[in-house]
Amino acid sequence: KVCLSYRCADMDREIPALMGVSKAILENVIFVHQDEANWPLQDPSTLKKKFDDIFSATRYTKALEVIKKLHKDQAQEIKTYKLKLENLQTLKDAAYTVTFFS
């Protein structure tokens, strides 16, 4: 047995669970008001937010941002190591010429 109060917060949490869908799908697909039925035609930022809510894509979007940042950091680190390698190669060549041609 489960006891529920009649508070709106409890109902808002329990109804989607009982219906087996997310709150975003209830609000934007199932119980959408007639005046708001044209939400797929709204501006791109609002549309993206609604689709992110419906498909729970914000988690993936954040992961993509982290991956892009890591890629950028790694590319910068590779560039630094290449410069160090070039510098060491120059020093090695200079040491070789001094050692064998002096």
C-alpha atoms as a PDB file:
ATOM      1  CA  LYS A   1       0.000   0.000   0.000  1.00  0.00           C
ATOM      2  CA  VAL A   2       1.125   3.517  -0.782  1.00  0.00           C
ATOM      3  CA  CYS A   3      -0.199   6.607   0.912  1.00  0.00           C
ATOM      4  CA  LEU A   4      -0.303   9.838  -1.070  1.00  0.00           C
ATOM      5  CA  SER A   5      -1.234  13.286   0.089  1.00  0.00           C
ATOM      6  CA  TYR A   6      -3.226  15.622  -2.086  1.00  0.00           C
ATOM      7  CA  ARG A   7      -0.455  18.166  -2.403  1.00  0.00           C
ATOM      8  CA  CYS A   8       0.275  19.282  -5.954  1.00  0.00           C
ATOM      9  CA  ALA A   9       3.965  18.449  -5.656  1.00  0.00           C
ATOM     10  CA  ASP A  10       3.143  14.839  -4.783  1.00  0.00           C
ATOM     11  CA  MET A  11       0.671  14.564  -7.634  1.00  0.00           C
ATOM     12  CA  ASP A  12       3.077  16.176 -10.122  1.00  0.00           C
ATOM     13  CA  ARG A  13       5.635  13.532  -9.232  1.00  0.00           C
ATOM     14  CA  GLU A  14       3.277  10.564  -9.056  1.00  0.00           C
ATOM     15  CA  ILE A  15       1.140  11.037 -12.205  1.00  0.00           C
ATOM     16  CA  PRO A  16       4.040  10.704 -14.703  1.00  0.00           C
ATOM     17  CA  ALA A  17       5.294   7.636 -12.840  1.00  0.00           C
ATOM     18  CA  LEU A  18       1.850   6.013 -12.909  1.00  0.00           C
ATOM     19  CA  MET A  19       1.390   6.774 -16.618  1.00  0.00           C
ATOM     20  CA  GLY A  20       4.896   5.575 -17.452  1.00  0.00           C
ATOM     21  CA  VAL A  21       6.035   8.722 -19.254  1.00  0.00           C
ATOM     22  CA  SER A  22       8.189  11.682 -18.332  1.00  0.00           C
ATOM     23  CA  LYS A  23       6.829  14.999 -17.135  1.00  0.00           C
ATOM     24  CA  ALA A  24       8.070  16.724 -20.318  1.00  0.00           C
ATOM     25  CA  ILE A  25       6.070  14.336 -22.515  1.00  0.00           C
ATOM     26  CA  LEU A  26       2.959  14.901 -20.400  1.00  0.00           C
ATOM     27  CA  GLU A  27       3.278  18.679 -20.648  1.00  0.00           C
ATOM     28  CA  ASN A  28       4.373  19.000 -24.289  1.00  0.00           C
ATOM     29  CA  VAL A  29       2.682  16.064 -26.013  1.00  0.00           C
ATOM     30  CA  ILE A  30      -0.194  14.491 -24.094  1.00  0.00           C
ATOM     31  CA  PHE A  31      -1.733  17.382 -22.147  1.00  0.00           C
ATOM     32  CA  VAL A  32      -0.631  20.250 -24.398  1.00  0.00           C
ATOM     33  CA  HIS A  33      -3.154  23.080 -24.520  1.00  0.00           C
ATOM     34  CA  GLN A  34      -4.685  23.894 -27.901  1.00  0.00           C
ATOM     35  CA  ASP A  35      -3.138  27.382 -27.874  1.00  0.00           C
ATOM     36  CA  GLU A  36       0.308  25.859 -27.366  1.00  0.00           C
ATOM     37  CA  ALA A  37      -0.108  23.017 -29.881  1.00  0.00           C
ATOM     38  CA  ASN A  38       2.077  24.786 -32.440  1.00  0.00           C
ATOM     39  CA  TRP A  39       5.205  24.650 -30.245  1.00  0.00           C
ATOM     40  CA  PRO A  40       7.152  22.752 -32.945  1.00  0.00           C
ATOM     41  CA  LEU A  41       6.973  25.939 -35.010  1.00  0.00           C
ATOM     42  CA  GLN A  42       8.506  28.180 -32.323  1.00  0.00           C
ATOM     43  CA  ASP A  43      11.940  29.758 -32.439  1.00  0.00           C
ATOM     44  CA  PRO A  44      14.892  27.331 -32.536  1.00  0.00           C
ATOM     45  CA  SER A  45      16.136  27.932 -28.977  1.00  0.00           C
ATOM     46  CA  THR A  46      12.733  27.199 -27.406  1.00  0.00           C
ATOM     47  CA  LEU A  47      12.273  24.210 -29.680  1.00  0.00           C
ATOM     48  CA  LYS A  48      15.699  22.835 -28.745  1.00  0.00           C
ATOM     49  CA  LYS A  49      14.901  23.207 -25.036  1.00  0.00           C
ATOM     50  CA  LYS A  50      11.595  21.347 -25.429  1.00  0.00           C
ATOM     51  CA  PHE A  51      13.209  18.527 -27.409  1.00  0.00           C
ATOM     52  CA  ASP A  52      16.012  18.300 -24.855  1.00  0.00           C
ATOM     53  CA  ASP A  53      13.381  17.982 -22.121  1.00  0.00           C
ATOM     54  CA  ILE A  54      11.372  15.386 -24.020  1.00  0.00           C
ATOM     55  CA  PHE A  55      14.331  13.223 -25.038  1.00  0.00           C
ATOM     56  CA  SER A  56      16.481  13.941 -21.949  1.00  0.00           C
ATOM     57  CA  ALA A  57      19.261  15.155 -24.224  1.00  0.00           C
ATOM     58  CA  THR A  58      20.784  17.700 -21.853  1.00  0.00           C
ATOM     59  CA  ARG A  59      22.961  14.994 -20.324  1.00  0.00           C
ATOM     60  CA  TYR A  60      24.373  14.149 -23.755  1.00  0.00           C
ATOM     61  CA  THR A  61      24.804  17.793 -24.695  1.00  0.00           C
ATOM     62  CA  LYS A  62      26.844  18.407 -21.549  1.00  0.00           C
ATOM     63  CA  ALA A  63      28.926  15.308 -22.283  1.00  0.00           C
ATOM     64  CA  LEU A  64      29.612  16.592 -25.790  1.00  0.00           C
ATOM     65  CA  GLU A  65      30.732  19.947 -24.399  1.00  0.00           C
ATOM     66  CA  VAL A  66      33.120  18.193 -22.001  1.00  0.00           C
ATOM     67  CA  ILE A  67      34.491  16.036 -24.824  1.00  0.00           C
ATOM     68  CA  LYS A  68      35.051  19.087 -27.025  1.00  0.00           C
ATOM     69  CA  LYS A  69      36.851  20.869 -24.196  1.00  0.00           C
ATOM     70  CA  LEU A  70      39.056  17.830 -23.537  1.00  0.00           C
ATOM     71  CA  HIS A  71      39.810  17.556 -27.256  1.00  0.00           C
ATOM     72  CA  LYS A  72      40.820  21.209 -27.381  1.00  0.00           C
ATOM     73  CA  ASP A  73      43.031  20.814 -24.287  1.00  0.00           C
ATOM     74  CA  GLN A  74      44.669  17.692 -25.708  1.00  0.00           C
ATOM     75  CA  ALA A  75      45.309  19.422 -29.041  1.00  0.00           C
ATOM     76  CA  GLN A  76      46.992  22.298 -27.206  1.00  0.00           C
ATOM     77  CA  GLU A  77      49.092  19.865 -25.191  1.00  0.00           C
ATOM     78  CA  ILE A  78      50.128  18.025 -28.363  1.00  0.00           C
ATOM     79  CA  LYS A  79      51.145  21.319 -29.935  1.00  0.00           C
ATOM     80  CA  THR A  80      53.279  22.130 -26.881  1.00  0.00           C
ATOM     81  CA  TYR A  81      54.968  18.717 -26.980  1.00  0.00           C
ATOM     82  CA  LYS A  82      55.681  19.096 -30.718  1.00  0.00           C
ATOM     83  CA  LEU A  83      57.392  22.428 -30.056  1.00  0.00           C
ATOM     84  CA  LYS A  84      59.450  20.848 -27.284  1.00  0.00           C
ATOM     85  CA  LEU A  85      60.364  17.980 -29.618  1.00  0.00           C
ATOM     86  CA  GLU A  86      61.500  20.409 -32.319  1.00  0.00           C
ATOM     87  CA  ASN A  87      63.586  22.293 -29.755  1.00  0.00           C
ATOM     88  CA  LEU A  88      65.189  19.077 -28.491  1.00  0.00           C
ATOM     89  CA  GLN A  89      65.843  17.962 -32.085  1.00  0.00           C
ATOM     90  CA  THR A  90      67.600  21.264 -32.774  1.00  0.00           C
ATOM     91  CA  LEU A  91      69.699  20.896 -29.617  1.00  0.00           C
ATOM     92  CA  LYS A  92      70.561  17.293 -30.549  1.00  0.00           C
ATOM     93  CA  ASP A  93      71.635  18.313 -34.047  1.00  0.00           C
ATOM     94  CA  ALA A  94      73.743  21.140 -32.636  1.00  0.00           C
ATOM     95  CA  ALA A  95      75.394  18.786 -30.132  1.00  0.00           C
ATOM     96  CA  TYR A  96      76.052  16.251 -32.895  1.00  0.00           C
ATOM     97  CA  THR A  97      77.750  18.813 -35.123  1.00  0.00           C
ATOM     98  CA  VAL A  98      79.870  20.145 -32.234  1.00  0.00           C
ATOM     99  CA  THR A  99      80.892  16.652 -31.118  1.00  0.00           C
ATOM    100  CA  PHE A 100      81.820  15.117 -34.468  1.00  0.00           C
ATOM    101  CA  PHE A 101      83.008  18.152 -36.408  1.00  0.00           C
ATOM    102  CA  SER A 102      85.158  19.890 -33.815  1.00  0.00           C
END
